[in-house]
Amino acid sequence: DFILVDNRDSMEPKLTPEQAAAMCDRNFGIGGDGVIFALPGDAIKMEDGKADYTMRIYNSDGTEPEMCGNGIRCMAKYLDVLEGESHAGKTYTISTGAGPIVPVMSESGAVTVDMGCPILEGPDV
């Protein structure tokens, strides 16, 4: 479960890592695994093209990962609701710290994401 923030009007997250961690506290905050910010597409520079949006995420401990597979699916669904233009096959190019990710909306409302080939060698992870 994630807390999603409509941050499309700012290039930087509206919350600090410490504020995000406090919000994620399940006893004294909203509770969640992290806070996801939907930022403008050019908040992280991409080498090959322009993104529709940028994803930044703070984990519940305030750390910032490059990307989160389940989180990007949640963000795509959130953007779909914000834009109000849901249809099968709709895609978003989302810039992340791990590079561009393209979620695809399905007719059933599910979101699929090609995460690429898994890295299975411990030292490479």
Foldseek 3Di string as FASTA:
>chain_A
DEAEDAAAPDLDDPDALVVFLQQQPPPRHVHDQKYKYWYAQPSDDAPPDTWRTEIWIAGNNSDTDQDDPVVVQVVVLVVCVVVVDDDFQDWGFYQTSVGTWIWTAHRVRGIDTCPDDDDDDVVVD
